[in-house]
Amino acid sequence: MKLYELRQLSETELRDRVAELREEIFNLNFQKATRQMADAKRISSSRREIARILTLLHEDELQIRSIQAAGDENRQDGQGDPGEDA
């Protein structure tokens, strides 16, 4: 996923994604050990995505950039909140 896509997710979705990626890395390492791996680049790309997600979570923890506010700023359709009156 791209960074702007990750910023649109909630904190729980990000934590779930990290868990999925860690499981994927475990399975890929198992495939690598048994010499059944087709694409070795998937391990490094999964590790990078985990690092991106953990960076976003850490930024939120340090109050550098909140996860919800960043998601609202980067909306692709240019619309604000549905209940927002301008």
Protein backbone atom coordinates (compact mmCIF):
# COMPACT_ATOMS: atom_id res chain seq x y z
CA MET A 1 0.00 0.00 0.00
CA LYS A 2 1.07 3.53 -0.64
CA LEU A 3 1.60 5.96 2.22
CA TYR A 4 -1.46 8.06 1.34
CA GLU A 5 -3.57 4.89 1.40
CA LEU A 6 -2.20 3.94 4.82
CA ARG A 7 -2.98 7.41 6.20
CA GLN A 8 -6.65 6.90 5.36
CA LEU A 9 -6.91 3.86 7.64
CA SER A 10 -7.83 3.95 11.32
CA GLU A 11 -5.45 2.92 14.09
CA THR A 12 -7.08 -0.48 14.55
CA GLU A 13 -6.94 -1.16 10.81
CA LEU A 14 -3.25 -0.25 10.80
CA ARG A 15 -2.54 -2.57 13.73
CA ASP A 16 -4.46 -5.37 12.00
CA ARG A 17 -2.44 -4.78 8.82
CA VAL A 18 0.82 -5.06 10.79
CA ALA A 19 -0.34 -8.40 12.22
CA GLU A 20 -1.23 -9.65 8.72
CA LEU A 21 2.13 -8.58 7.33
CA ARG A 22 4.05 -10.23 10.17
CA GLU A 23 2.19 -13.46 9.51
CA GLU A 24 2.96 -13.12 5.80
CA ILE A 25 6.67 -12.62 6.54
CA PHE A 26 6.64 -15.71 8.76
CA ASN A 27 5.08 -17.76 5.96
CA LEU A 28 7.49 -16.36 3.38
CA ASN A 29 10.47 -17.20 5.56
CA PHE A 30 9.11 -20.72 5.93
CA GLN A 31 8.80 -20.98 2.12
CA LYS A 32 12.33 -19.65 1.77
CA ALA A 33 13.67 -22.28 4.17
CA THR A 34 11.96 -25.07 2.25
CA ARG A 35 13.05 -23.59 -1.09
CA GLN A 36 9.49 -23.12 -2.32
CA MET A 37 9.58 -19.34 -2.57
CA ALA A 38 8.62 -17.78 -5.88
CA ASP A 39 9.21 -14.08 -5.15
CA ALA A 40 11.96 -13.13 -2.70
CA LYS A 41 11.20 -9.40 -2.96
CA ARG A 42 7.92 -9.83 -1.09
CA ILE A 43 9.77 -10.21 2.22
CA SER A 44 11.54 -6.87 1.92
CA SER A 45 8.44 -5.07 0.62
CA SER A 46 6.40 -6.43 3.55
CA ARG A 47 9.07 -5.30 6.01
CA ARG A 48 9.05 -1.82 4.47
CA GLU A 49 5.28 -1.60 4.73
CA ILE A 50 5.44 -2.60 8.39
CA ALA A 51 8.01 0.15 8.96
CA ARG A 52 5.74 2.70 7.24
CA ILE A 53 2.77 1.70 9.39
CA LEU A 54 4.77 1.73 12.61
CA THR A 55 6.09 5.19 11.69
CA LEU A 56 2.52 6.46 11.24
CA LEU A 57 1.49 4.97 14.58
CA HIS A 58 4.53 6.51 16.28
CA GLU A 59 3.78 9.92 14.74
CA ASP A 60 0.28 9.68 16.18
CA GLU A 61 1.64 8.65 19.58
CA LEU A 62 4.00 11.64 19.66
CA GLN A 63 1.19 13.89 18.38
CA ILE A 64 3.23 14.94 15.34
CA ARG A 65 0.41 14.04 12.97
CA SER A 66 -2.81 12.42 14.08
CA ILE A 67 -4.06 9.46 12.10
CA GLN A 68 -7.64 10.74 11.73
CA ALA A 69 -6.65 14.30 10.77
CA ALA A 70 -4.17 13.03 8.19
CA GLY A 71 -6.88 10.86 6.66
CA ASP A 72 -9.24 13.83 6.36
CA GLU A 73 -6.60 16.03 4.72
CA ASN A 74 -5.74 13.49 2.03
CA ARG A 75 -9.21 12.66 0.75
CA GLN A 76 -9.13 12.00 -2.97
CA ASP A 77 -12.64 13.27 -3.76
CA GLY A 78 -12.03 16.76 -2.37
CA GLN A 79 -15.07 16.51 -0.10
CA GLY A 80 -15.06 17.22 3.61
CA ASP A 81 -17.10 15.36 6.18
CA PRO A 82 -20.63 14.55 4.99
CA GLY A 83 -22.23 16.44 7.91
CA GLU A 84 -20.06 19.50 7.46
CA ASP A 85 -21.83 22.71 6.33
CA ALA A 86 -19.81 25.24 4.39
